[in-house]
PDB file of N, CA and C in Angstrom:
ATOM      1  N   ALA A   1     127.930  55.568 -19.152  1.00  0.00           N
ATOM      2  CA  ALA A   1     128.386  55.444 -17.731  1.00  0.00           C
ATOM      3  C   ALA A   1     129.517  54.305 -17.699  1.00  0.00           C
ATOM      4  N   VAL A   2     130.661  54.781 -17.057  1.00  0.00           N
ATOM      5  CA  VAL A   2     131.607  53.807 -16.792  1.00  0.00           C
ATOM      6  C   VAL A   2     131.627  53.296 -15.431  1.00  0.00           C
ATOM      7  N   PHE A   3     131.732  51.978 -15.162  1.00  0.00           N
ATOM      8  CA  PHE A   3     131.742  51.382 -13.812  1.00  0.00           C
ATOM      9  C   PHE A   3     133.178  51.767 -13.235  1.00  0.00           C
ATOM     10  N   ASN A   4     133.181  52.302 -11.853  1.00  0.00           N
ATOM     11  CA  ASN A   4     134.401  52.518 -11.109  1.00  0.00           C
ATOM     12  C   ASN A   4     134.285  51.684  -9.837  1.00  0.00           C
ATOM     13  N   PRO A   5     135.062  50.595  -9.699  1.00  0.00           N
ATOM     14  CA  PRO A   5     135.040  50.059  -8.497  1.00  0.00           C
ATOM     15  C   PRO A   5     135.508  50.700  -7.224  1.00  0.00           C
ATOM     16  N   GLU A   6     136.198  51.862  -7.412  1.00  0.00           N
ATOM     17  CA  GLU A   6     136.586  52.485  -6.183  1.00  0.00           C
ATOM     18  C   GLU A   6     135.428  53.604  -5.794  1.00  0.00           C
ATOM     19  N   TYR A   7     134.483  53.753  -6.642  1.00  0.00           N
ATOM     20  CA  TYR A   7     133.442  54.855  -6.165  1.00  0.00           C
ATOM     21  C   TYR A   7     132.595  54.129  -4.972  1.00  0.00           C
ATOM     22  N   ARG A   8     132.378  55.117  -4.210  1.00  0.00           N
ATOM     23  CA  ARG A   8     131.456  54.537  -2.962  1.00  0.00           C
ATOM     24  C   ARG A   8     130.110  55.282  -2.970  1.00  0.00           C
ATOM     25  N   PHE A   9     129.086  54.541  -3.451  1.00  0.00           N
ATOM     26  CA  PHE A   9     127.848  55.136  -3.441  1.00  0.00           C
ATOM     27  C   PHE A   9     127.369  55.678  -2.079  1.00  0.00           C
ATOM     28  N   LYS A  10     126.573  56.953  -2.270  1.00  0.00           N
ATOM     29  CA  LYS A  10     126.072  57.486  -0.900  1.00  0.00           C
ATOM     30  C   LYS A  10     124.672  57.254  -0.630  1.00  0.00           C
ATOM     31  N   PHE A  11     124.389  56.797   0.343  1.00  0.00           N
ATOM     32  CA  PHE A  11     122.800  56.371   0.827  1.00  0.00           C
ATOM     33  C   PHE A  11     122.439  57.314   1.878  1.00  0.00           C
ATOM     34  N   LEU A  12     121.249  57.573   1.886  1.00  0.00           N
ATOM     35  CA  LEU A  12     120.465  58.183   2.948  1.00  0.00           C
ATOM     36  C   LEU A  12     119.467  57.136   3.335  1.00  0.00           C
ATOM     37  N   VAL A  13     119.614  56.814   4.554  1.00  0.00           N
ATOM     38  CA  VAL A  13     118.389  55.843   5.034  1.00  0.00           C
ATOM     39  C   VAL A  13     117.525  56.545   5.841  1.00  0.00           C
ATOM     40  N   HIS A  14     116.258  56.342   5.570  1.00  0.00           N
ATOM     41  CA  HIS A  14     115.254  57.089   6.493  1.00  0.00           C
ATOM     42  C   HIS A  14     114.043  56.125   6.849  1.00  0.00           C
ATOM     43  N   GLY A  15     113.560  56.308   8.142  1.00  0.00           N
ATOM     44  CA  GLY A  15     112.454  55.482   8.472  1.00  0.00           C
ATOM     45  C   GLY A  15     112.831  54.202   9.293  1.00  0.00           C
ATOM     46  N   LYS A  16     111.613  53.507   9.621  1.00  0.00           N
ATOM     47  CA  LYS A  16     111.790  52.258  10.249  1.00  0.00           C
ATOM     48  C   LYS A  16     111.493  51.212   9.065  1.00  0.00           C
ATOM     49  N   PHE A  17     112.107  49.947   9.304  1.00  0.00           N
ATOM     50  CA  PHE A  17     112.190  49.019   8.332  1.00  0.00           C
ATOM     51  C   PHE A  17     111.614  47.720   8.898  1.00  0.00           C
ATOM     52  N   ASP A  18     111.182  46.829   8.134  1.00  0.00           N
ATOM     53  CA  ASP A  18     110.585  45.614   8.388  1.00  0.00           C
ATOM     54  C   ASP A  18     111.284  44.532   7.613  1.00  0.00           C
ATOM     55  N   VAL A  19     112.518  44.423   7.973  1.00  0.00           N
ATOM     56  CA  VAL A  19     113.443  43.488   7.353  1.00  0.00           C
ATOM     57  C   VAL A  19     113.078  42.053   7.445  1.00  0.00           C
ATOM     58  N   ASP A  20     112.678  41.664   8.647  1.00  0.00           N
ATOM     59  CA  ASP A  20     112.238  40.291   8.924  1.00  0.00           C
ATOM     60  C   ASP A  20     110.746  39.991   8.502  1.00  0.00           C
ATOM     61  N   ASN A  21     110.233  40.982   7.875  1.00  0.00           N
ATOM     62  CA  ASN A  21     108.721  40.629   7.404  1.00  0.00           C
ATOM     63  C   ASN A  21     107.695  40.171   8.600  1.00  0.00           C
ATOM     64  N   ASP A  22     107.838  40.604   9.650  1.00  0.00           N
ATOM     65  CA  ASP A  22     107.062  40.302  10.798  1.00  0.00           C
ATOM     66  C   ASP A  22     105.811  41.295  10.906  1.00  0.00           C
ATOM     67  N   GLY A  23     105.845  42.324  10.068  1.00  0.00           N
ATOM     68  CA  GLY A  23     104.768  43.240  10.144  1.00  0.00           C
ATOM     69  C   GLY A  23     104.975  44.383  11.021  1.00  0.00           C
ATOM     70  N   THR A  24     106.229  44.527  11.624  1.00  0.00           N
ATOM     71  CA  THR A  24     106.461  45.514  12.519  1.00  0.00           C
ATOM     72  C   THR A  24     107.568  46.168  12.266  1.00  0.00           C
ATOM     73  N   PRO A  25     107.658  47.335  11.690  1.00  0.00           N
ATOM     74  CA  PRO A  25     108.913  48.044  11.364  1.00  0.00           C
ATOM     75  C   PRO A  25     109.517  48.532  12.496  1.00  0.00           C
ATOM     76  N   SER A  26     110.984  48.650  12.681  1.00  0.00           N
ATOM     77  CA  SER A  26     111.484  49.137  13.892  1.00  0.00           C
ATOM     78  C   SER A  26     112.847  49.829  13.454  1.00  0.00           C
ATOM     79  N   GLU A  27     113.139  50.689  14.347  1.00  0.00           N
ATOM     80  CA  GLU A  27     114.521  51.410  14.284  1.00  0.00           C
ATOM     81  C   GLU A  27     115.593  50.373  14.310  1.00  0.00           C
ATOM     82  N   ALA A  28     115.485  49.310  15.018  1.00  0.00           N
ATOM     83  CA  ALA A  28     116.672  48.241  14.992  1.00  0.00           C
ATOM     84  C   ALA A  28     116.901  47.726  13.646  1.00  0.00           C
ATOM     85  N   GLU A  29     115.691  47.428  12.901  1.00  0.00           N
ATOM     86  CA  GLU A  29     115.844  46.905  11.552  1.00  0.00           C
ATOM     87  C   GLU A  29     116.400  48.090  10.751  1.00  0.00           C
ATOM     88  N   ALA A  30     116.258  49.230  11.151  1.00  0.00           N
ATOM     89  CA  ALA A  30     116.878  50.437  10.217  1.00  0.00           C
ATOM     90  C   ALA A  30     118.314  50.345  10.388  1.00  0.00           C
ATOM     91  N   ASP A  31     118.791  50.117  11.655  1.00  0.00           N
ATOM     92  CA  ASP A  31     120.047  50.122  11.830  1.00  0.00           C
ATOM     93  C   ASP A  31     120.888  48.904  11.280  1.00  0.00           C
ATOM     94  N   TYR A  32     120.079  47.731  11.045  1.00  0.00           N
ATOM     95  CA  TYR A  32     120.614  46.583  10.282  1.00  0.00           C
ATOM     96  C   TYR A  32     120.724  47.056   8.876  1.00  0.00           C
ATOM     97  N   VAL A  33     119.853  47.737   8.302  1.00  0.00           N
ATOM     98  CA  VAL A  33     120.003  48.255   6.823  1.00  0.00           C
ATOM     99  C   VAL A  33     121.294  49.109   6.756  1.00  0.00           C
ATOM    100  N   ARG A  34     121.364  50.008   7.652  1.00  0.00           N
ATOM    101  CA  ARG A  34     122.694  50.804   7.560  1.00  0.00           C
ATOM    102  C   ARG A  34     123.868  50.079   7.613  1.00  0.00           C
ATOM    103  N   ARG A  35     123.946  49.047   8.620  1.00  0.00           N
ATOM    104  CA  ARG A  35     125.105  48.105   8.599  1.00  0.00           C
ATOM    105  C   ARG A  35     125.405  47.401   7.345  1.00  0.00           C
ATOM    106  N   ARG A  36     124.491  46.956   6.758  1.00  0.00           N
ATOM    107  CA  ARG A  36     124.486  46.163   5.430  1.00  0.00           C
ATOM    108  C   ARG A  36     124.937  47.072   4.295  1.00  0.00           C
ATOM    109  N   ILE A  37     124.611  48.389   4.346  1.00  0.00           N
ATOM    110  CA  ILE A  37     125.115  49.334   3.230  1.00  0.00           C
ATOM    111  C   ILE A  37     126.632  49.467   3.456  1.00  0.00           C
ATOM    112  N   VAL A  38     126.941  49.747   4.628  1.00  0.00           N
ATOM    113  CA  VAL A  38     128.421  49.811   4.937  1.00  0.00           C
ATOM    114  C   VAL A  38     129.299  48.677   4.696  1.00  0.00           C
ATOM    115  N   GLU A  39     128.545  47.321   5.004  1.00  0.00           N
ATOM    116  CA  GLU A  39     129.282  46.072   4.694  1.00  0.00           C
ATOM    117  C   GLU A  39     129.537  45.954   3.211  1.00  0.00           C
ATOM    118  N   TRP A  40     128.475  46.432   2.352  1.00  0.00           N
ATOM    119  CA  TRP A  40     128.535  46.513   0.923  1.00  0.00           C
ATOM    120  C   TRP A  40     129.417  47.385   0.243  1.00  0.00           C
ATOM    121  N   GLY A  41     129.857  48.293   1.047  1.00  0.00           N
ATOM    122  CA  GLY A  41     130.952  49.137   0.608  1.00  0.00           C
ATOM    123  C   GLY A  41     130.228  50.645   0.412  1.00  0.00           C
ATOM    124  N   GLY A  42     128.995  50.928   0.717  1.00  0.00           N
ATOM    125  CA  GLY A  42     128.284  52.215   0.594  1.00  0.00           C
ATOM    126  C   GLY A  42     128.768  53.205   1.657  1.00  0.00           C
ATOM    127  N   GLU A  43     128.510  54.299   1.432  1.00  0.00           N
ATOM    128  CA  GLU A  43     128.712  55.547   2.446  1.00  0.00           C
ATOM    129  C   GLU A  43     127.415  55.972   2.857  1.00  0.00           C
ATOM    130  N   LEU A  44     127.233  55.988   4.210  1.00  0.00           N
ATOM    131  CA  LEU A  44     126.022  56.655   4.797  1.00  0.00           C
ATOM    132  C   LEU A  44     125.995  58.046   4.885  1.00  0.00           C
ATOM    133  N   VAL A  45     124.935  58.720   4.463  1.00  0.00           N
ATOM    134  CA  VAL A  45     124.771  60.282   4.649  1.00  0.00           C
ATOM    135  C   VAL A  45     124.009  60.334   5.909  1.00  0.00           C
ATOM    136  N   GLU A  46     124.406  61.348   6.926  1.00  0.00           N
ATOM    137  CA  GLU A  46     123.681  61.312   8.204  1.00  0.00           C
ATOM    138  C   GLU A  46     122.798  62.405   7.999  1.00  0.00           C
ATOM    139  N   GLY A  47     121.703  62.490   8.951  1.00  0.00           N
ATOM    140  CA  GLY A  47     120.491  63.414   8.911  1.00  0.00           C
ATOM    141  C   GLY A  47     119.334  63.021   7.974  1.00  0.00           C
ATOM    142  N   ASP A  48     118.488  63.917   7.910  1.00  0.00           N
ATOM    143  CA  ASP A  48     117.294  63.612   7.113  1.00  0.00           C
ATOM    144  C   ASP A  48     116.995  64.666   6.043  1.00  0.00           C
ATOM    145  N   GLU A  49     118.102  65.119   5.583  1.00  0.00           N
ATOM    146  CA  GLU A  49     118.104  65.951   4.318  1.00  0.00           C
ATOM    147  C   GLU A  49     118.820  65.548   3.119  1.00  0.00           C
ATOM    148  N   LEU A  50     118.081  65.644   1.880  1.00  0.00           N
ATOM    149  CA  LEU A  50     119.003  65.200   0.778  1.00  0.00           C
ATOM    150  C   LEU A  50     120.203  66.121   0.422  1.00  0.00           C
ATOM    151  N   THR A  51     121.223  65.477   0.011  1.00  0.00           N
ATOM    152  CA  THR A  51     122.510  66.340  -0.256  1.00  0.00           C
ATOM    153  C   THR A  51     122.691  66.264  -1.906  1.00  0.00           C
ATOM    154  N   GLY A  52     123.405  67.092  -2.339  1.00  0.00           N
ATOM    155  CA  GLY A  52     123.519  67.331  -3.736  1.00  0.00           C
ATOM    156  C   GLY A  52     124.319  66.018  -4.266  1.00  0.00           C
ATOM    157  N   ASP A  53     125.137  65.326  -3.556  1.00  0.00           N
ATOM    158  CA  ASP A  53     125.891  64.315  -3.963  1.00  0.00           C
ATOM    159  C   ASP A  53     125.334  62.943  -3.650  1.00  0.00           C
ATOM    160  N   LEU A  54     124.130  62.911  -3.224  1.00  0.00           N
ATOM    161  CA  LEU A  54     123.450  61.727  -2.709  1.00  0.00           C
ATOM    162  C   LEU A  54     123.195  60.864  -3.994  1.00  0.00           C
ATOM    163  N   ASP A  55     123.549  59.467  -3.789  1.00  0.00           N
ATOM    164  CA  ASP A  55     123.118  58.512  -4.960  1.00  0.00           C
ATOM    165  C   ASP A  55     121.875  57.872  -4.816  1.00  0.00           C
ATOM    166  N   PHE A  56     121.448  57.438  -3.565  1.00  0.00           N
ATOM    167  CA  PHE A  56     120.240  56.761  -3.260  1.00  0.00           C
ATOM    168  C   PHE A  56     119.647  57.081  -2.060  1.00  0.00           C
ATOM    169  N   LEU A  57     118.327  57.096  -2.008  1.00  0.00           N
ATOM    170  CA  LEU A  57     117.475  57.344  -0.715  1.00  0.00           C
ATOM    171  C   LEU A  57     116.861  55.822  -0.525  1.00  0.00           C
ATOM    172  N   VAL A  58     117.098  55.387   0.752  1.00  0.00           N
ATOM    173  CA  VAL A  58     116.473  54.094   1.061  1.00  0.00           C
ATOM    174  C   VAL A  58     115.458  54.396   2.044  1.00  0.00           C
ATOM    175  N   LEU A  59     114.152  54.165   1.651  1.00  0.00           N
ATOM    176  CA  LEU A  59     113.069  54.462   2.586  1.00  0.00           C
ATOM    177  C   LEU A  59     112.507  53.286   3.228  1.00  0.00           C
ATOM    178  N   GLY A  60     112.216  53.283   4.557  1.00  0.00           N
ATOM    179  CA  GLY A  60     111.603  52.321   5.283  1.00  0.00           C
ATOM    180  C   GLY A  60     110.043  52.260   4.967  1.00  0.00           C
ATOM    181  N   ALA A  61     109.361  51.625   5.839  1.00  0.00           N
ATOM    182  CA  ALA A  61     107.933  51.360   5.581  1.00  0.00           C
ATOM    183  C   ALA A  61     107.228  52.727   5.783  1.00  0.00           C
ATOM    184  N   THR A  62     106.374  53.023   4.979  1.00  0.00           N
ATOM    185  CA  THR A  62     105.399  54.278   4.994  1.00  0.00           C
ATOM    186  C   THR A  62     104.768  54.373   6.290  1.00  0.00           C
ATOM    187  N   PRO A  63     105.109  55.462   7.133  1.00  0.00           N
ATOM    188  CA  PRO A  63     104.335  55.661   8.251  1.00  0.00           C
ATOM    189  C   PRO A  63     102.831  55.816   7.988  1.00  0.00           C
ATOM    190  N   PRO A  64     102.004  55.333   8.905  1.00  0.00           N
ATOM    191  CA  PRO A  64     100.514  55.483   8.630  1.00  0.00           C
ATOM    192  C   PRO A  64     100.099  56.677   8.918  1.00  0.00           C
ATOM    193  N   GLU A  65      98.976  57.087   8.228  1.00  0.00           N
ATOM    194  CA  GLU A  65      98.421  58.500   8.591  1.00  0.00           C
ATOM    195  C   GLU A  65      97.758  58.356   9.941  1.00  0.00           C
ATOM    196  N   PRO A  66      97.887  59.471  10.730  1.00  0.00           N
ATOM    197  CA  PRO A  66      97.478  59.496  11.981  1.00  0.00           C
ATOM    198  C   PRO A  66      95.874  59.625  12.017  1.00  0.00           C
ATOM    199  N   LEU A  67      95.164  58.948  13.017  1.00  0.00           N
ATOM    200  CA  LEU A  67      93.945  59.036  13.208  1.00  0.00           C
ATOM    201  C   LEU A  67      93.615  60.438  13.673  1.00  0.00           C
ATOM    202  N   ASN A  68      92.444  60.934  13.347  1.00  0.00           N
ATOM    203  CA  ASN A  68      91.850  62.153  13.789  1.00  0.00           C
ATOM    204  C   ASN A  68      91.722  62.356  15.309  1.00  0.00           C
ATOM    205  N   LEU A  69      92.109  63.227  15.868  1.00  0.00           N
ATOM    206  CA  LEU A  69      91.854  63.544  17.346  1.00  0.00           C
ATOM    207  C   LEU A  69      90.439  63.842  17.489  1.00  0.00           C
ATOM    208  N   THR A  70      89.974  63.558  18.901  1.00  0.00           N
ATOM    209  CA  THR A  70      88.629  63.960  19.241  1.00  0.00           C
ATOM    210  C   THR A  70      88.715  65.070  20.231  1.00  0.00           C
ATOM    211  N   PRO A  71      87.748  65.902  20.466  1.00  0.00           N
ATOM    212  CA  PRO A  71      87.749  67.073  21.251  1.00  0.00           C
ATOM    213  C   PRO A  71      88.211  66.702  22.603  1.00  0.00           C
ATOM    214  N   ASN A  72      88.103  65.555  23.130  1.00  0.00           N
ATOM    215  CA  ASN A  72      88.600  65.201  24.541  1.00  0.00           C
ATOM    216  C   ASN A  72      89.913  64.397  24.468  1.00  0.00           C
ATOM    217  N   SER A  73      90.652  64.465  23.467  1.00  0.00           N
ATOM    218  CA  SER A  73      91.898  63.753  23.472  1.00  0.00           C
ATOM    219  C   SER A  73      92.942  64.173  24.466  1.00  0.00           C
ATOM    220  N   SER A  74      93.626  63.359  24.988  1.00  0.00           N
ATOM    221  CA  SER A  74      94.607  63.562  26.110  1.00  0.00           C
ATOM    222  C   SER A  74      95.949  64.108  25.477  1.00  0.00           C
ATOM    223  N   ASP A  75      96.591  64.706  26.270  1.00  0.00           N
ATOM    224  CA  ASP A  75      98.004  65.206  26.047  1.00  0.00           C
ATOM    225  C   ASP A  75      98.856  64.059  25.238  1.00  0.00           C
ATOM    226  N   VAL A  76      98.821  62.962  25.802  1.00  0.00           N
ATOM    227  CA  VAL A  76      99.588  61.823  25.363  1.00  0.00           C
ATOM    228  C   VAL A  76      99.032  61.534  23.917  1.00  0.00           C
ATOM    229  N   GLU A  77      97.845  61.469  23.629  1.00  0.00           N
ATOM    230  CA  GLU A  77      97.287  61.392  22.358  1.00  0.00           C
ATOM    231  C   GLU A  77      97.602  62.387  21.450  1.00  0.00           C
ATOM    232  N   LEU A  78      97.604  63.681  21.843  1.00  0.00           N
ATOM    233  CA  LEU A  78      98.051  64.953  21.028  1.00  0.00           C
ATOM    234  C   LEU A  78      99.366  64.685  20.522  1.00  0.00           C
ATOM    235  N   ARG A  79     100.356  64.381  21.469  1.00  0.00           N
ATOM    236  CA  ARG A  79     101.784  64.128  21.200  1.00  0.00           C
ATOM    237  C   ARG A  79     101.989  63.088  20.179  1.00  0.00           C
ATOM    238  N   ALA A  80     101.292  61.855  20.423  1.00  0.00           N
ATOM    239  CA  ALA A  80     101.440  60.813  19.543  1.00  0.00           C
ATOM    240  C   ALA A  80     100.925  61.220  17.999  1.00  0.00           C
ATOM    241  N   PHE A  81      99.844  61.888  18.007  1.00  0.00           N
ATOM    242  CA  PHE A  81      99.344  62.340  16.935  1.00  0.00           C
ATOM    243  C   PHE A  81     100.320  63.279  16.095  1.00  0.00           C
ATOM    244  N   LEU A  82     100.936  64.271  16.776  1.00  0.00           N
ATOM    245  CA  LEU A  82     101.813  65.190  16.107  1.00  0.00           C
ATOM    246  C   LEU A  82     103.068  64.432  15.643  1.00  0.00           C
ATOM    247  N   GLN A  83     103.518  63.595  16.510  1.00  0.00           N
ATOM    248  CA  GLN A  83     104.803  62.734  16.237  1.00  0.00           C
ATOM    249  C   GLN A  83     104.594  61.872  14.884  1.00  0.00           C
ATOM    250  N   LEU A  84     103.321  61.275  14.904  1.00  0.00           N
ATOM    251  CA  LEU A  84     103.219  60.400  13.597  1.00  0.00           C
ATOM    252  C   LEU A  84     102.825  61.288  12.502  1.00  0.00           C
ATOM    253  N   ARG A  85     102.189  62.495  12.572  1.00  0.00           N
ATOM    254  CA  ARG A  85     101.974  63.423  11.400  1.00  0.00           C
ATOM    255  C   ARG A  85     103.384  63.971  10.922  1.00  0.00           C
ATOM    256  N   GLU A  86     104.312  64.172  11.751  1.00  0.00           N
ATOM    257  CA  GLU A  86     105.572  64.909  11.364  1.00  0.00           C
ATOM    258  C   GLU A  86     106.400  63.583  10.798  1.00  0.00           C
ATOM    259  N   SER A  87     106.224  62.461  11.185  1.00  0.00           N
ATOM    260  CA  SER A  87     106.940  61.233  10.679  1.00  0.00           C
ATOM    261  C   SER A  87     106.500  60.961   9.227  1.00  0.00           C
ATOM    262  N   ARG A  88     105.094  61.315   9.156  1.00  0.00           N
ATOM    263  CA  ARG A  88     104.637  60.881   7.546  1.00  0.00           C
ATOM    264  C   ARG A  88     104.889  62.125   6.766  1.00  0.00           C
ATOM    265  N   ASP A  89     104.703  63.318   7.158  1.00  0.00           N
ATOM    266  CA  ASP A  89     105.249  64.422   6.328  1.00  0.00           C
ATOM    267  C   ASP A  89     106.553  64.496   5.979  1.00  0.00           C
ATOM    268  N   GLN A  90     107.568  63.995   6.878  1.00  0.00           N
ATOM    269  CA  GLN A  90     108.901  64.025   6.415  1.00  0.00           C
ATOM    270  C   GLN A  90     109.326  62.902   5.350  1.00  0.00           C
ATOM    271  N   TYR A  91     108.600  61.827   5.593  1.00  0.00           N
ATOM    272  CA  TYR A  91     108.705  60.657   4.719  1.00  0.00           C
ATOM    273  C   TYR A  91     108.334  61.096   3.281  1.00  0.00           C
ATOM    274  N   ASP A  92     107.030  61.605   3.254  1.00  0.00           N
ATOM    275  CA  ASP A  92     106.444  62.187   1.939  1.00  0.00           C
ATOM    276  C   ASP A  92     107.482  63.216   1.358  1.00  0.00           C
ATOM    277  N   ARG A  93     107.919  64.173   2.104  1.00  0.00           N
ATOM    278  CA  ARG A  93     108.841  65.309   1.721  1.00  0.00           C
ATOM    279  C   ARG A  93     110.047  64.630   1.171  1.00  0.00           C
ATOM    280  N   LEU A  94     110.742  63.805   1.692  1.00  0.00           N
ATOM    281  CA  LEU A  94     111.949  63.125   1.166  1.00  0.00           C
ATOM    282  C   LEU A  94     111.612  62.426  -0.127  1.00  0.00           C
ATOM    283  N   PHE A  95     110.595  61.692  -0.098  1.00  0.00           N
ATOM    284  CA  PHE A  95     110.126  60.958  -1.383  1.00  0.00           C
ATOM    285  C   PHE A  95     109.990  61.872  -2.447  1.00  0.00           C
ATOM    286  N   ASP A  96     109.229  62.977  -2.319  1.00  0.00           N
ATOM    287  CA  ASP A  96     108.944  64.045  -3.332  1.00  0.00           C
ATOM    288  C   ASP A  96     110.280  64.714  -3.725  1.00  0.00           C
ATOM    289  N   GLN A  97     111.086  65.028  -2.796  1.00  0.00           N
ATOM    290  CA  GLN A  97     112.262  65.804  -3.145  1.00  0.00           C
ATOM    291  C   GLN A  97     113.290  64.867  -4.012  1.00  0.00           C
ATOM    292  N   ALA A  98     113.378  63.556  -3.695  1.00  0.00           N
ATOM    293  CA  ALA A  98     114.206  62.621  -4.339  1.00  0.00           C
ATOM    294  C   ALA A  98     113.605  62.381  -5.697  1.00  0.00           C
ATOM    295  N   ASN A  99     112.376  62.459  -5.864  1.00  0.00           N
ATOM    296  CA  ASN A  99     111.794  62.178  -7.256  1.00  0.00           C
ATOM    297  C   ASN A  99     112.207  63.440  -8.109  1.00  0.00           C
ATOM    298  N   LYS A 100     111.956  64.579  -7.523  1.00  0.00           N
ATOM    299  CA  LYS A 100     112.186  65.788  -8.244  1.00  0.00           C
ATOM    300  C   LYS A 100     113.727  66.007  -8.704  1.00  0.00           C
ATOM    301  N   ALA A 101     114.489  65.409  -7.913  1.00  0.00           N
ATOM    302  CA  ALA A 101     116.023  65.470  -8.099  1.00  0.00           C
ATOM    303  C   ALA A 101     116.518  64.395  -8.854  1.00  0.00           C
ATOM    304  N   GLN A 102     115.672  63.392  -9.306  1.00  0.00           N
ATOM    305  CA  GLN A 102     115.773  62.226  -9.940  1.00  0.00           C
ATOM    306  C   GLN A 102     116.996  61.387  -9.243  1.00  0.00           C
ATOM    307  N   ILE A 103     116.752  61.248  -7.900  1.00  0.00           N
ATOM    308  CA  ILE A 103     117.569  60.390  -7.064  1.00  0.00           C
ATOM    309  C   ILE A 103     116.686  59.119  -6.860  1.00  0.00           C
ATOM    310  N   PRO A 104     117.383  57.974  -7.185  1.00  0.00           N
ATOM    311  CA  PRO A 104     116.617  56.726  -7.068  1.00  0.00           C
ATOM    312  C   PRO A 104     116.097  56.544  -5.661  1.00  0.00           C
ATOM    313  N   VAL A 105     114.892  56.072  -5.488  1.00  0.00           N
ATOM    314  CA  VAL A 105     114.479  55.579  -4.111  1.00  0.00           C
ATOM    315  C   VAL A 105     114.284  54.235  -3.898  1.00  0.00           C
ATOM    316  N   LEU A 106     115.004  53.724  -3.078  1.00  0.00           N
ATOM    317  CA  LEU A 106     114.833  52.052  -2.838  1.00  0.00           C
ATOM    318  C   LEU A 106     114.118  51.751  -1.445  1.00  0.00           C
ATOM    319  N   ASN A 107     113.613  50.591  -1.499  1.00  0.00           N
ATOM    320  CA  ASN A 107     112.976  49.994  -0.260  1.00  0.00           C
ATOM    321  C   ASN A 107     114.163  48.891   0.062  1.00  0.00           C
ATOM    322  N   TRP A 108     113.902  48.283   1.118  1.00  0.00           N
ATOM    323  CA  TRP A 108     114.889  47.298   1.600  1.00  0.00           C
ATOM    324  C   TRP A 108     115.112  46.181   0.404  1.00  0.00           C
ATOM    325  N   ASN A 109     113.856  45.635  -0.042  1.00  0.00           N
ATOM    326  CA  ASN A 109     113.935  44.652  -1.087  1.00  0.00           C
ATOM    327  C   ASN A 109     114.718  45.037  -2.190  1.00  0.00           C
ATOM    328  N   ARG A 110     114.577  46.263  -2.651  1.00  0.00           N
ATOM    329  CA  ARG A 110     115.227  46.605  -3.995  1.00  0.00           C
ATOM    330  C   ARG A 110     116.691  46.824  -3.600  1.00  0.00           C
ATOM    331  N   PHE A 111     116.979  47.340  -2.417  1.00  0.00           N
ATOM    332  CA  PHE A 111     118.417  47.485  -2.245  1.00  0.00           C
ATOM    333  C   PHE A 111     119.069  46.073  -2.211  1.00  0.00           C
ATOM    334  N   GLU A 112     118.382  45.052  -1.589  1.00  0.00           N
ATOM    335  CA  GLU A 112     119.042  43.665  -1.570  1.00  0.00           C
ATOM    336  C   GLU A 112     119.162  43.060  -3.018  1.00  0.00           C
ATOM    337  N   LEU A 113     118.075  43.491  -3.730  1.00  0.00           N
ATOM    338  CA  LEU A 113     118.325  42.750  -5.165  1.00  0.00           C
ATOM    339  C   LEU A 113     119.230  43.381  -5.928  1.00  0.00           C
ATOM    340  N   LEU A 114     119.341  44.793  -5.877  1.00  0.00           N
ATOM    341  CA  LEU A 114     120.311  45.558  -6.697  1.00  0.00           C
ATOM    342  C   LEU A 114     121.791  45.327  -6.349  1.00  0.00           C
ATOM    343  N   THR A 115     121.889  44.989  -5.003  1.00  0.00           N
ATOM    344  CA  THR A 115     123.400  44.793  -4.566  1.00  0.00           C
ATOM    345  C   THR A 115     123.725  43.404  -4.466  1.00  0.00           C
ATOM    346  N   GLY A 116     122.957  42.431  -4.818  1.00  0.00           N
ATOM    347  CA  GLY A 116     123.181  41.040  -4.768  1.00  0.00           C
ATOM    348  C   GLY A 116     123.270  40.498  -3.215  1.00  0.00           C
ATOM    349  N   MET A 117     122.714  41.242  -2.399  1.00  0.00           N
ATOM    350  CA  MET A 117     123.006  40.805  -0.947  1.00  0.00           C
ATOM    351  C   MET A 117     121.563  40.178  -0.494  1.00  0.00           C
ATOM    352  N   ASN A 118     120.726  39.713  -1.374  1.00  0.00           N
ATOM    353  CA  ASN A 118     119.633  39.012  -0.911  1.00  0.00           C
ATOM    354  C   ASN A 118     120.120  37.600  -0.595  1.00  0.00           C
ATOM    355  N   ASP A 119     120.057  37.190   0.651  1.00  0.00           N
ATOM    356  CA  ASP A 119     120.525  35.890   1.263  1.00  0.00           C
ATOM    357  C   ASP A 119     119.397  34.901   1.469  1.00  0.00           C
ATOM    358  N   ARG A 120     118.338  35.128   0.742  1.00  0.00           N
ATOM    359  CA  ARG A 120     117.194  34.230   0.844  1.00  0.00           C
ATOM    360  C   ARG A 120     117.266  33.169  -0.224  1.00  0.00           C
TER     361      ARG A 120
END
């Protein structure tokens, strides 16, 4: 491989991140990750699908498995269950697709280390 300083790596960022390590992943921290990628010189791929020219998948915190519903669960609980299950399924699907396509999967810590952006 030959290093090309003109090449802009393409990143797909998915999920919520816990950049400040407070134990609470958030969409605001995912936006921070996206901004850092752009500041580093990377290009963001929009959406939640892997593209053929993707260089890296950056995944946030693994969504928890939803708890089982009870027979008397409310509509709010049902919607929350379905949303959490879809979030976890999409996370797992992207991870599996990236592995099969041999696209490197990074979390925030690995991204910081590999790009030299770790400011701690």
